[in-house]
Protein backbone atom coordinates (compact mmCIF):
# COMPACT_ATOMS: atom_id res chain seq x y z
CA UNK A 1 -38.97 -2.94 -37.02
CA UNK A 2 -40.87 -3.43 -40.22
CA UNK A 3 -43.03 -6.19 -41.58
CA UNK A 4 -41.53 -8.07 -44.51
CA UNK A 5 -43.87 -9.87 -46.87
CA UNK A 6 -42.91 -12.68 -49.25
CA UNK A 7 -42.95 -10.14 -52.06
CA UNK A 8 -40.33 -8.14 -50.22
CA UNK A 9 -38.10 -11.19 -50.02
CA UNK A 10 -38.49 -11.77 -53.74
CA UNK A 11 -37.75 -8.15 -54.56
CA UNK A 12 -34.03 -8.90 -54.48
CA UNK A 13 -33.06 -9.69 -58.05
CA UNK A 14 -31.85 -13.24 -58.57
CA UNK A 15 -29.74 -14.16 -61.59
CA UNK A 16 -30.91 -17.08 -63.67
CA UNK A 17 -29.80 -20.44 -62.35
CA UNK A 18 -28.60 -21.59 -65.76
CA UNK A 19 -26.14 -18.71 -65.73
CA UNK A 20 -24.74 -19.83 -62.39
CA UNK A 21 -24.52 -23.59 -62.62
CA UNK A 22 -21.33 -23.56 -64.61
CA UNK A 23 -19.47 -21.73 -61.89
CA UNK A 24 -21.23 -23.62 -59.14
CA UNK A 25 -19.93 -26.93 -60.38
CA UNK A 26 -16.41 -25.77 -59.64
CA UNK A 27 -17.23 -25.05 -56.00
CA UNK A 28 -17.66 -28.72 -55.15
CA UNK A 29 -14.27 -29.64 -56.68
CA UNK A 30 -11.15 -29.55 -54.52
CA UNK A 31 -9.71 -26.07 -54.78
CA UNK A 32 -5.95 -25.51 -54.97
CA UNK A 33 -4.51 -25.12 -51.49
CA UNK A 34 -2.58 -21.89 -51.12
CA UNK A 35 0.64 -21.60 -49.18
CA UNK A 36 -0.88 -19.90 -46.16
CA UNK A 37 -3.71 -22.44 -45.99
CA UNK A 38 -1.21 -25.30 -46.02
CA UNK A 39 0.83 -23.63 -43.29
CA UNK A 40 -2.29 -22.92 -41.22
CA UNK A 41 -3.29 -26.57 -41.43
CA UNK A 42 0.13 -27.79 -40.32
CA UNK A 43 0.31 -25.21 -37.53
CA UNK A 44 -3.11 -26.30 -36.26
CA UNK A 45 -2.21 -29.96 -36.18
CA UNK A 46 1.16 -29.09 -34.67
CA UNK A 47 -0.50 -27.26 -31.79
CA UNK A 48 -2.90 -30.17 -31.33
CA UNK A 49 0.01 -32.62 -31.15
CA UNK A 50 1.86 -30.48 -28.61
CA UNK A 51 -1.27 -30.04 -26.48
CA UNK A 52 -2.03 -33.77 -26.70
CA UNK A 53 1.52 -34.76 -25.72
CA UNK A 54 1.41 -32.33 -22.80
CA UNK A 55 -1.96 -33.70 -21.70
CA UNK A 56 -0.77 -37.32 -21.89
CA UNK A 57 2.38 -36.47 -19.95
CA UNK A 58 0.42 -34.69 -17.23
CA UNK A 59 -2.02 -37.59 -17.09
CA UNK A 60 0.79 -40.13 -16.64
CA UNK A 61 2.75 -38.03 -14.15
CA UNK A 62 -0.35 -36.84 -12.29
CA UNK A 63 -2.85 -38.73 -10.20
CA UNK A 64 -4.05 -41.05 -12.95
CA UNK A 65 -5.84 -43.24 -10.42
CA UNK A 66 -8.00 -40.29 -9.34
CA UNK A 67 -8.91 -39.55 -12.98
CA UNK A 68 -9.89 -43.17 -13.61
CA UNK A 69 -11.93 -43.24 -10.41
CA UNK A 70 -13.72 -40.02 -11.38
CA UNK A 71 -14.71 -41.18 -14.87
CA UNK A 72 -15.69 -44.65 -13.69
CA UNK A 73 -18.38 -42.99 -11.57
CA UNK A 74 -19.21 -40.06 -13.90
CA UNK A 75 -19.29 -41.70 -17.35
CA UNK A 76 -23.09 -41.37 -17.34
CA UNK A 77 -22.70 -37.64 -17.90
CA UNK A 78 -21.42 -38.20 -21.45
CA UNK A 79 -24.89 -38.89 -22.93
CA UNK A 80 -26.08 -35.54 -21.54
CA UNK A 81 -23.06 -33.83 -23.10
CA UNK A 82 -24.03 -35.44 -26.40
CA UNK A 83 -27.66 -34.32 -26.04
CA UNK A 84 -26.72 -30.67 -25.56
CA UNK A 85 -24.16 -30.87 -28.38
CA UNK A 86 -26.82 -32.20 -30.76
CA UNK A 87 -29.22 -29.45 -29.58
CA UNK A 88 -26.56 -26.94 -30.58
CA UNK A 89 -26.30 -28.49 -34.05
CA UNK A 90 -30.09 -28.66 -34.46
CA UNK A 91 -30.51 -25.00 -33.53
CA UNK A 92 -27.71 -23.96 -35.89
CA UNK A 93 -29.27 -25.84 -38.82
CA UNK A 94 -32.73 -24.45 -38.06
CA UNK A 95 -31.41 -20.88 -38.09
CA UNK A 96 -29.53 -21.61 -41.33
CA UNK A 97 -32.69 -22.93 -43.03
CA UNK A 98 -34.66 -19.92 -41.81
CA UNK A 99 -32.22 -17.44 -43.33
CA UNK A 100 -32.16 -19.23 -46.68
CA UNK A 101 -35.95 -19.35 -46.71
CA UNK A 102 -36.07 -15.60 -46.26
CA UNK A 103 -33.97 -15.26 -49.40
CA UNK A 104 -36.67 -17.14 -51.29
CA UNK A 105 -34.56 -20.33 -51.33
CA UNK A 106 -36.51 -23.44 -50.32
CA UNK A 107 -34.72 -24.89 -47.27
CA UNK A 108 -37.35 -25.77 -44.67
CA UNK A 109 -37.61 -29.50 -45.41
CA UNK A 110 -35.71 -32.73 -44.83
CA UNK A 111 -33.32 -32.21 -47.73
CA UNK A 112 -32.68 -28.65 -46.59
CA UNK A 113 -31.80 -29.93 -43.11
CA UNK A 114 -29.40 -32.43 -44.69
CA UNK A 115 -27.74 -29.61 -46.63
CA UNK A 116 -27.38 -27.67 -43.40
CA UNK A 117 -25.70 -30.64 -41.72
CA UNK A 118 -23.46 -31.27 -44.74
CA UNK A 119 -21.56 -28.10 -43.87
CA UNK A 120 -19.97 -30.05 -41.01
CA UNK A 121 -18.04 -32.03 -43.61
CA UNK A 122 -15.94 -28.90 -44.14
CA UNK A 123 -14.95 -28.32 -40.51
CA UNK A 124 -11.30 -29.07 -41.27
CA UNK A 125 -11.08 -26.44 -44.01
CA UNK A 126 -9.30 -23.22 -42.97
CA UNK A 127 -10.73 -19.72 -42.78
CA UNK A 128 -14.41 -20.78 -42.85
CA UNK A 129 -14.06 -22.20 -46.38
CA UNK A 130 -16.29 -25.08 -45.32
CA UNK A 131 -19.21 -22.68 -45.57
CA UNK A 132 -18.98 -22.94 -49.37
CA UNK A 133 -20.28 -26.51 -49.23
CA UNK A 134 -23.88 -25.60 -48.41
CA UNK A 135 -24.36 -22.97 -51.14
CA UNK A 136 -22.90 -25.39 -53.68
CA UNK A 137 -25.27 -28.16 -52.60
CA UNK A 138 -28.29 -25.85 -52.85
CA UNK A 139 -27.25 -25.00 -56.41
CA UNK A 140 -26.86 -28.69 -57.28
CA UNK A 141 -30.40 -29.22 -56.03
CA UNK A 142 -31.50 -26.31 -58.27
CA UNK A 143 -33.00 -24.47 -55.35
CA UNK A 144 -31.30 -21.15 -55.90
CA UNK A 145 -28.67 -19.25 -57.84
CA UNK A 146 -25.10 -19.40 -56.58
CA UNK A 147 -24.90 -15.66 -55.94
CA UNK A 148 -28.00 -15.64 -53.73
CA UNK A 149 -26.91 -18.76 -51.86
CA UNK A 150 -23.51 -17.24 -51.14
CA UNK A 151 -25.15 -14.06 -49.85
CA UNK A 152 -27.47 -16.08 -47.63
CA UNK A 153 -24.51 -18.05 -46.25
CA UNK A 154 -22.63 -14.82 -45.52
CA UNK A 155 -25.66 -13.46 -43.68
CA UNK A 156 -25.85 -16.64 -41.58
CA UNK A 157 -22.23 -16.07 -40.56
CA UNK A 158 -22.85 -12.43 -39.67
CA UNK A 159 -25.95 -13.23 -37.61
CA UNK A 160 -24.09 -16.01 -35.81
CA UNK A 161 -21.34 -13.54 -34.92
CA UNK A 162 -23.95 -11.13 -33.55
CA UNK A 163 -25.42 -13.93 -31.44
CA UNK A 164 -22.03 -14.55 -29.82
CA UNK A 165 -21.63 -10.84 -29.03
CA UNK A 166 -25.13 -10.80 -27.52
CA UNK A 167 -24.35 -13.81 -25.32
CA UNK A 168 -21.09 -12.28 -24.11
CA UNK A 169 -22.86 -8.99 -23.35
CA UNK A 170 -25.56 -10.83 -21.40
CA UNK A 171 -22.98 -12.75 -19.38
CA UNK A 172 -20.95 -9.64 -18.57
CA UNK A 173 -24.10 -7.76 -17.57
CA UNK A 174 -25.10 -10.67 -15.34
CA UNK A 175 -21.93 -10.10 -13.34
CA UNK A 176 -23.12 -6.56 -12.67
CA UNK A 177 -26.75 -7.45 -11.98
CA UNK A 178 -28.72 -10.50 -13.02
CA UNK A 179 -31.70 -8.44 -14.17
CA UNK A 180 -29.54 -6.63 -16.75
CA UNK A 181 -28.45 -9.72 -18.70
CA UNK A 182 -31.46 -10.07 -21.02
CA UNK A 183 -31.63 -6.33 -21.64
CA UNK A 184 -27.93 -6.19 -22.50
CA UNK A 185 -28.17 -9.07 -24.94
CA UNK A 186 -31.25 -7.60 -26.62
CA UNK A 187 -29.57 -4.19 -26.83
CA UNK A 188 -26.52 -5.62 -28.60
CA UNK A 189 -28.74 -7.42 -31.11
CA UNK A 190 -30.79 -4.28 -31.71
CA UNK A 191 -27.74 -2.09 -32.28
CA UNK A 192 -26.17 -4.60 -34.69
CA UNK A 193 -29.38 -4.96 -36.69
CA UNK A 194 -29.77 -1.18 -36.83
CA UNK A 195 -26.25 -0.87 -38.23
CA UNK A 196 -26.97 -3.69 -40.67
CA UNK A 197 -30.07 -1.86 -41.87
CA UNK A 198 -28.04 1.33 -42.33
CA UNK A 199 -25.40 -0.51 -44.37
CA UNK A 200 -28.15 -2.21 -46.37
CA UNK A 201 -29.41 1.16 -47.56
CA UNK A 202 -25.91 2.08 -48.76
CA UNK A 203 -25.62 -1.20 -50.70
CA UNK A 204 -29.15 -1.03 -52.13
CA UNK A 205 -27.90 -0.27 -55.64
CA UNK A 206 -25.13 -2.88 -55.68
CA UNK A 207 -24.96 -6.63 -56.21
CA UNK A 208 -24.59 -7.02 -52.43
CA UNK A 209 -28.11 -5.79 -51.76
CA UNK A 210 -30.41 -7.91 -49.62
CA UNK A 211 -34.19 -8.24 -49.48
CA UNK A 212 -35.75 -4.93 -48.43
CA UNK A 213 -36.21 -4.64 -44.69
CA UNK A 214 -34.16 -7.77 -44.03
CA UNK A 215 -32.16 -6.50 -41.07
CA UNK A 216 -34.63 -4.28 -39.26
CA UNK A 217 -37.29 -6.93 -38.61
CA UNK A 218 -38.53 -9.10 -35.77
CA UNK A 219 -37.75 -12.24 -37.77
CA UNK A 220 -34.06 -11.39 -37.99
CA UNK A 221 -34.08 -10.58 -34.29
CA UNK A 222 -35.64 -14.00 -33.59
CA UNK A 223 -33.02 -15.77 -35.73
CA UNK A 224 -30.20 -14.18 -33.72
CA UNK A 225 -31.88 -15.14 -30.44
CA UNK A 226 -32.23 -18.70 -31.76
CA UNK A 227 -28.54 -18.81 -32.65
CA UNK A 228 -27.70 -17.54 -29.15
CA UNK A 229 -29.61 -20.48 -27.65
CA UNK A 230 -27.40 -22.75 -29.74
CA UNK A 231 -24.30 -21.26 -28.13
CA UNK A 232 -25.97 -21.65 -24.73
CA UNK A 233 -26.51 -25.34 -25.48
CA UNK A 234 -22.82 -25.56 -26.42
CA UNK A 235 -21.90 -24.06 -23.06
CA UNK A 236 -24.28 -26.37 -21.21
CA UNK A 237 -22.61 -29.36 -22.86
CA UNK A 238 -19.31 -28.20 -21.41
CA UNK A 239 -20.93 -27.51 -18.03
CA UNK A 240 -22.27 -31.07 -17.84
CA UNK A 241 -18.73 -32.31 -18.40
CA UNK A 242 -16.76 -29.91 -16.20
CA UNK A 243 -19.08 -29.00 -13.33
CA UNK A 244 -18.07 -31.97 -11.15
CA UNK A 245 -14.38 -31.86 -12.00
CA UNK A 246 -11.99 -30.75 -9.27
CA UNK A 247 -11.76 -26.98 -9.54
CA UNK A 248 -14.19 -24.07 -9.79
CA UNK A 249 -15.81 -24.32 -13.23
CA UNK A 250 -19.36 -23.04 -12.76
CA UNK A 251 -22.29 -22.38 -15.10
CA UNK A 252 -21.20 -18.82 -15.91
CA UNK A 253 -17.66 -20.02 -16.68
CA UNK A 254 -19.00 -22.78 -18.95
CA UNK A 255 -21.30 -20.47 -20.91
CA UNK A 256 -18.41 -18.03 -21.39
CA UNK A 257 -15.43 -20.35 -21.90
CA UNK A 258 -16.87 -22.98 -24.27
CA UNK A 259 -18.30 -20.61 -26.91
CA UNK A 260 -15.45 -18.15 -26.41
CA UNK A 261 -12.72 -20.73 -26.99
CA UNK A 262 -14.55 -22.09 -30.04
CA UNK A 263 -14.93 -18.64 -31.61
CA UNK A 264 -11.34 -17.59 -30.87
CA UNK A 265 -10.08 -20.91 -32.20
CA UNK A 266 -11.96 -20.45 -35.47
CA UNK A 267 -10.89 -16.81 -35.61
CA UNK A 268 -7.26 -17.92 -35.57
CA UNK A 269 -7.71 -19.21 -39.14
CA UNK A 270 -6.48 -22.66 -38.15
CA UNK A 271 -8.62 -25.41 -39.74
CA UNK A 272 -11.50 -26.15 -37.37
CA UNK A 273 -9.71 -24.24 -34.64
CA UNK A 274 -7.76 -27.45 -34.03
CA UNK A 275 -5.12 -26.96 -31.38
CA UNK A 276 -6.05 -23.34 -30.74
CA UNK A 277 -9.46 -24.22 -29.26
CA UNK A 278 -7.99 -27.02 -27.13
CA UNK A 279 -5.21 -24.78 -25.87
CA UNK A 280 -7.57 -21.90 -25.00
CA UNK A 281 -10.11 -24.17 -23.34
CA UNK A 282 -7.43 -26.03 -21.40
CA UNK A 283 -5.75 -22.83 -20.23
CA UNK A 284 -9.09 -21.42 -19.10
CA UNK A 285 -9.90 -24.57 -17.13
CA UNK A 286 -6.43 -24.45 -15.58
CA UNK A 287 -7.08 -20.90 -14.38
CA UNK A 288 -10.27 -22.17 -12.71
CA UNK A 289 -8.23 -24.69 -10.73
CA UNK A 290 -8.82 -27.89 -12.71
CA UNK A 291 -5.81 -30.24 -12.24
CA UNK A 292 -3.79 -30.93 -15.35
CA UNK A 293 -4.52 -34.65 -15.40
CA UNK A 294 -8.30 -34.01 -15.29
CA UNK A 295 -8.02 -31.10 -17.70
CA UNK A 296 -6.51 -33.16 -20.52
CA UNK A 297 -9.17 -35.87 -20.40
CA UNK A 298 -12.01 -33.34 -20.04
CA UNK A 299 -10.94 -31.25 -23.03
CA UNK A 300 -10.44 -34.35 -25.18
CA UNK A 301 -13.88 -35.73 -24.32
CA UNK A 302 -15.58 -32.38 -25.00
CA UNK A 303 -13.90 -31.89 -28.37
CA UNK A 304 -14.65 -35.43 -29.50
CA UNK A 305 -18.36 -34.94 -28.84
CA UNK A 306 -18.70 -31.36 -30.10
CA UNK A 307 -16.26 -31.42 -33.04
CA UNK A 308 -14.82 -34.72 -34.23
CA UNK A 309 -18.15 -36.54 -34.05
CA UNK A 310 -19.70 -33.94 -36.38
CA UNK A 311 -17.27 -34.67 -39.22
CA UNK A 312 -18.67 -38.11 -40.16
CA UNK A 313 -22.20 -36.78 -39.66
CA UNK A 314 -21.43 -34.04 -42.18
CA UNK A 315 -20.03 -36.49 -44.73
CA UNK A 316 -23.07 -38.76 -44.39
CA UNK A 317 -25.37 -35.78 -44.94
CA UNK A 318 -23.27 -34.71 -47.94
CA UNK A 319 -23.64 -38.20 -49.45
CA UNK A 320 -27.40 -38.08 -48.91
CA UNK A 321 -27.69 -34.68 -50.58
CA UNK A 322 -25.59 -35.89 -53.50
CA UNK A 323 -27.90 -38.85 -53.96
CA UNK A 324 -30.93 -36.56 -53.91
CA UNK A 325 -29.32 -34.30 -56.52
CA UNK A 326 -28.62 -37.30 -58.77
CA UNK A 327 -32.21 -38.54 -58.47
CA UNK A 328 -33.46 -35.08 -59.35
CA UNK A 329 -31.16 -34.87 -62.36
CA UNK A 330 -32.16 -38.35 -63.56
CA UNK A 331 -35.83 -37.47 -63.20
CA UNK A 332 -35.31 -34.33 -65.25
CA UNK A 333 -33.38 -36.24 -67.93
CA UNK A 334 -36.11 -38.87 -68.04
CA UNK A 335 -38.77 -36.23 -68.53
CA UNK A 336 -36.75 -34.71 -71.38
CA UNK A 337 -36.42 -38.13 -73.06
CA UNK A 338 -40.20 -38.63 -72.87
CA UNK A 339 -40.77 -35.31 -74.58
CA UNK A 340 -42.35 -33.81 -71.46
CA UNK A 341 -40.96 -30.77 -69.75
CA UNK A 342 -39.30 -31.34 -66.35
CA UNK A 343 -40.83 -29.58 -63.36
CA UNK A 344 -39.79 -25.98 -63.00
CA UNK A 345 -37.27 -25.77 -60.15
CA UNK A 346 -35.73 -22.44 -60.97
CA UNK A 347 -35.23 -19.75 -58.33
CA UNK A 348 -38.36 -18.01 -59.61
CA UNK A 349 -40.49 -21.09 -58.86
CA UNK A 350 -38.96 -21.66 -55.45
CA UNK A 351 -39.44 -18.02 -54.61
CA UNK A 352 -43.17 -18.56 -54.94
CA UNK A 353 -43.11 -21.00 -52.04
CA UNK A 354 -44.40 -19.58 -48.76
CA UNK A 355 -41.76 -17.60 -46.96
CA UNK A 356 -41.41 -17.40 -43.23
CA UNK A 357 -43.85 -14.78 -42.05
CA UNK A 358 -43.00 -11.91 -39.81
CA UNK A 359 -45.00 -10.03 -37.27
CA UNK A 360 -44.80 -6.38 -36.51
CA UNK A 361 -44.42 -5.11 -32.97
């Protein structure tokens, strides 16, 4: 793996921000909803309604007294579920900021963290369209050109996918022998980054090119490992909730089922994986012997903490970022009225900020 200096990050050509802002403004506006998106949304909510009705029916017809007795003595576990869920979010945002910083886009500050959290406001959009929120907000803050921000967001998605594959490989290898788990996860990351570096060379003369040496570096490896720890925190949140339920849901099951059901639910194209994630998670818990009446309450509690709670957090962050963008615009307009030039906040100026350093092996 190679060492990448700040100059290497800046070597990727960035179009002028003024040329991009016109198109960026349209990203924040509600886009027309296509037919398949509308159908996907209704299908997702339909599945959620069916699953919810089934869960309520099983709760009423099952041993409801046992469920109430269990949660009356185990409600203290919910704060720990929340802690691990927030750790997952914090790790995800940190990795997101790190990737953007490597593109020469200033993200490692409080406003950058707020932009990272604002992406949660788009959880209900289908087919990962919510990921367009963060690039648009970075453009509004004049921190980068739209094209570069979109590329950075795409890279975050790819690296996150690699982190899931690495976690699955580590868990499967652990079943064979515990000592093989870390090696298997590292091997999957290494192979994926090698392939990414190979593809990068092919795209070096296109608009899809990335900073030289981006993939084959220790920093990228560290970002993927960081994202994997986020998925581990997601699994631990589920483990804290399900470990004491009647049945056989252990740590390995939690680390495999919680991230797996979330990824498969999102992969279905249904907005936020709604319905699909609940159905997959519930079916997996049922296979592990969790009674239906406990299963319904457990899945509902887990999804409220790890999904529905994030929506208002995302909207609050989006409002904060919008206020920061307005203050920045008003400050620039005030400087223009006074005859003084506003501070340079173009991509070229932000690219001069210190990038995240990398070490060579």
